[in-house]
N, C-alpha and C. Protein backbone atom coordinates (compact mmCIF):
# COMPACT_ATOMS: atom_id res chain seq x y z
N MET A 1 -4.86 147.74 150.79
CA MET A 1 -3.92 146.85 150.00
C MET A 1 -3.48 147.45 148.70
N GLN A 2 -2.11 147.30 148.20
CA GLN A 2 -1.61 147.75 147.21
C GLN A 2 -1.96 147.30 146.03
N ASN A 3 -1.90 147.64 145.28
CA ASN A 3 -2.22 147.18 143.52
C ASN A 3 -1.47 146.06 143.13
N GLN A 4 -0.03 146.21 143.74
CA GLN A 4 1.32 145.43 143.34
C GLN A 4 1.42 144.55 144.30
N ASP A 5 0.85 143.91 145.38
CA ASP A 5 0.94 142.93 146.12
C ASP A 5 1.39 141.63 145.57
N VAL A 6 0.62 141.25 144.36
CA VAL A 6 1.12 139.92 144.09
C VAL A 6 1.52 140.50 142.56
N LEU A 7 2.94 140.01 142.03
CA LEU A 7 3.38 139.90 140.85
C LEU A 7 3.41 138.68 139.63
N THR A 8 3.06 138.94 138.52
CA THR A 8 3.31 137.94 137.46
C THR A 8 4.98 137.81 137.27
N ILE A 9 5.12 136.90 136.21
CA ILE A 9 6.50 136.36 135.88
C ILE A 9 6.83 137.68 134.99
N LYS A 10 5.89 138.41 134.26
CA LYS A 10 6.35 139.24 133.50
C LYS A 10 6.71 140.90 134.20
N GLU A 11 5.94 140.72 135.07
CA GLU A 11 5.98 141.95 135.97
C GLU A 11 7.68 141.99 136.89
N VAL A 12 7.74 140.59 137.17
CA VAL A 12 8.86 140.78 137.90
C VAL A 12 10.05 140.63 136.92
N ALA A 13 9.80 140.22 135.95
CA ALA A 13 10.94 140.13 134.63
C ALA A 13 11.17 141.40 134.48
N ALA A 14 10.20 142.42 134.42
CA ALA A 14 10.34 144.12 134.08
C ALA A 14 11.18 144.54 135.15
N LEU A 15 10.53 144.33 136.35
CA LEU A 15 10.99 144.87 137.69
C LEU A 15 12.82 144.62 137.59
N LEU A 16 13.23 143.32 137.48
CA LEU A 16 14.60 142.90 137.65
C LEU A 16 15.23 143.27 136.34
N LYS A 17 14.93 143.76 135.41
CA LYS A 17 15.34 143.76 133.85
C LYS A 17 15.64 142.66 133.35
N VAL A 18 15.14 141.50 133.58
CA VAL A 18 15.92 140.34 132.81
C VAL A 18 14.59 139.62 131.97
N GLY A 19 14.94 138.40 131.38
CA GLY A 19 13.92 137.60 130.50
C GLY A 19 13.26 137.18 131.39
N GLU A 20 11.80 136.71 131.08
CA GLU A 20 10.56 136.05 131.61
C GLU A 20 10.86 134.58 131.66
N LYS A 21 12.11 133.98 130.59
CA LYS A 21 12.38 132.87 130.84
C LYS A 21 13.58 132.78 132.02
N THR A 22 14.16 133.55 132.26
CA THR A 22 14.91 133.70 133.38
C THR A 22 14.13 133.72 135.09
N ILE A 23 13.34 134.54 135.03
CA ILE A 23 12.21 134.48 135.93
C ILE A 23 11.87 132.92 136.21
N TYR A 24 11.09 132.38 135.04
CA TYR A 24 10.47 131.13 135.27
C TYR A 24 11.36 130.08 135.62
N SER A 25 12.89 130.28 135.14
CA SER A 25 13.69 128.92 135.54
C SER A 25 13.95 129.43 137.13
N MET A 26 14.16 130.67 137.67
CA MET A 26 14.55 130.81 138.94
C MET A 26 13.66 130.60 139.88
N ALA A 27 12.15 130.69 139.40
CA ALA A 27 11.11 130.29 140.21
C ALA A 27 11.02 128.73 140.72
N GLN A 28 11.35 127.99 139.35
CA GLN A 28 11.31 126.75 139.34
C GLN A 28 12.39 126.05 140.39
N SER A 29 13.40 126.60 140.03
CA SER A 29 14.64 126.05 140.94
C SER A 29 14.55 126.33 142.40
N GLY A 30 13.70 127.52 142.93
CA GLY A 30 13.51 127.83 144.15
C GLY A 30 14.74 129.09 144.35
N GLU A 31 15.13 129.41 143.24
CA GLU A 31 16.29 130.50 143.51
C GLU A 31 15.38 131.79 143.80
N LEU A 32 14.05 132.03 143.53
CA LEU A 32 13.36 133.45 143.42
C LEU A 32 12.37 132.53 144.37
N PRO A 33 11.68 133.43 145.71
CA PRO A 33 10.39 133.12 146.03
C PRO A 33 9.29 133.26 145.23
N ALA A 34 8.57 132.06 144.96
CA ALA A 34 7.48 132.21 144.21
C ALA A 34 6.57 131.21 144.74
N PHE A 35 5.26 131.44 144.09
CA PHE A 35 3.96 130.07 144.67
C PHE A 35 3.19 130.11 143.15
N LYS A 36 2.30 129.07 143.23
CA LYS A 36 1.66 128.99 142.04
C LYS A 36 0.16 128.88 142.20
N VAL A 37 -0.55 130.00 141.12
CA VAL A 37 -1.99 129.74 141.32
C VAL A 37 -2.35 129.16 140.14
N ARG A 38 -3.23 127.89 140.01
CA ARG A 38 -3.88 127.33 139.18
C ARG A 38 -2.52 126.91 137.92
N GLY A 39 -1.37 126.55 138.79
CA GLY A 39 -0.21 126.64 137.59
C GLY A 39 0.63 127.59 136.89
N GLN A 40 0.03 128.79 137.33
CA GLN A 40 0.75 130.18 136.89
C GLN A 40 1.57 130.62 138.13
N TRP A 41 2.73 130.79 137.74
CA TRP A 41 3.72 131.24 139.06
C TRP A 41 3.21 132.94 139.42
N ARG A 42 3.51 132.87 140.23
CA ARG A 42 2.90 134.45 141.14
C ARG A 42 4.00 134.52 142.20
N PHE A 43 4.23 136.24 142.61
CA PHE A 43 5.17 136.47 143.43
C PHE A 43 4.54 137.62 144.21
N SER A 44 5.22 137.59 145.62
CA SER A 44 4.71 138.34 146.65
C SER A 44 5.55 139.60 146.25
N ARG A 45 5.14 140.65 146.23
CA ARG A 45 5.94 142.12 146.08
C ARG A 45 7.18 142.13 147.36
N ARG A 46 6.46 141.53 148.53
CA ARG A 46 7.57 141.99 149.96
C ARG A 46 8.40 140.73 149.61
N ASP A 47 8.12 139.47 148.94
CA ASP A 47 9.52 138.46 149.19
C ASP A 47 10.14 138.89 148.04
N ILE A 48 9.92 139.69 146.73
CA ILE A 48 10.54 140.40 146.05
C ILE A 48 11.79 141.11 146.34
N ASP A 49 11.07 142.37 147.22
CA ASP A 49 11.83 143.50 147.88
C ASP A 49 12.56 142.98 148.73
N ALA A 50 12.42 141.76 149.76
CA ALA A 50 13.14 141.24 150.54
C ALA A 50 14.33 140.18 149.84
N TRP A 51 14.11 139.69 148.70
CA TRP A 51 14.97 138.74 147.64
C TRP A 51 15.97 139.78 147.26
N ILE A 52 15.50 140.90 146.90
CA ILE A 52 16.73 142.18 146.13
C ILE A 52 17.65 142.49 147.07
N GLU A 53 16.83 142.94 148.20
CA GLU A 53 17.75 143.23 149.48
C GLU A 53 19.07 142.52 149.77
N LYS A 54 18.54 140.97 149.76
CA LYS A 54 19.18 140.01 150.06
C LYS A 54 20.38 139.76 149.32
N GLN A 55 20.01 139.77 147.93
CA GLN A 55 21.02 140.04 146.81
C GLN A 55 22.05 141.10 146.99
N LYS A 56 21.49 142.25 147.18
CA LYS A 56 22.57 143.56 147.29
C LYS A 56 23.50 143.29 148.69
N ASN A 57 23.18 142.34 149.46
CA ASN A 57 24.15 142.51 150.68
C ASN A 57 25.15 141.23 150.72
N THR A 58 24.70 140.29 149.75
CA THR A 58 25.29 139.03 149.65
C THR A 58 26.34 138.69 148.35
N THR A 59 25.71 139.68 147.35
CA THR A 59 26.40 139.40 145.96
C THR A 59 27.56 139.93 145.90
N GLN A 60 28.69 139.41 145.29
CA GLN A 60 30.16 140.03 145.06
C GLN A 60 29.93 139.64 143.48
N ASP A 61 30.76 140.80 142.75
CA ASP A 61 30.96 140.59 141.42
C ASP A 61 29.88 140.81 140.47
N ILE A 62 29.07 141.92 141.11
CA ILE A 62 27.96 141.96 140.27
C ILE A 62 28.40 142.46 138.93
N GLY A 63 27.56 141.81 137.85
CA GLY A 63 27.89 142.02 136.66
C GLY A 63 28.96 140.93 136.07
N GLU A 64 29.27 139.92 136.56
CA GLU A 64 30.20 138.75 136.37
C GLU A 64 28.93 137.66 135.39
C-alpha cells in the first residue's frame, strides 16, 4: 500500500496548484470526489488521478 493513498485538503491543493479553500468548496459541492473522516475531508489518490484525467479529456478553454 502506498503512502499517498489518502490525501488531505492541503495535499490535494498542492497537487492541483490551487488554494485550500478552492479544494474545500469543490469537495463540498461534489465537484471533486471526496469523503469525510470525523468531519475532515479526505481524498482517494486514485479518485483524484481519475478526476484529473477526466478534466484533461473534457475541459475546453483551459485557463479561461
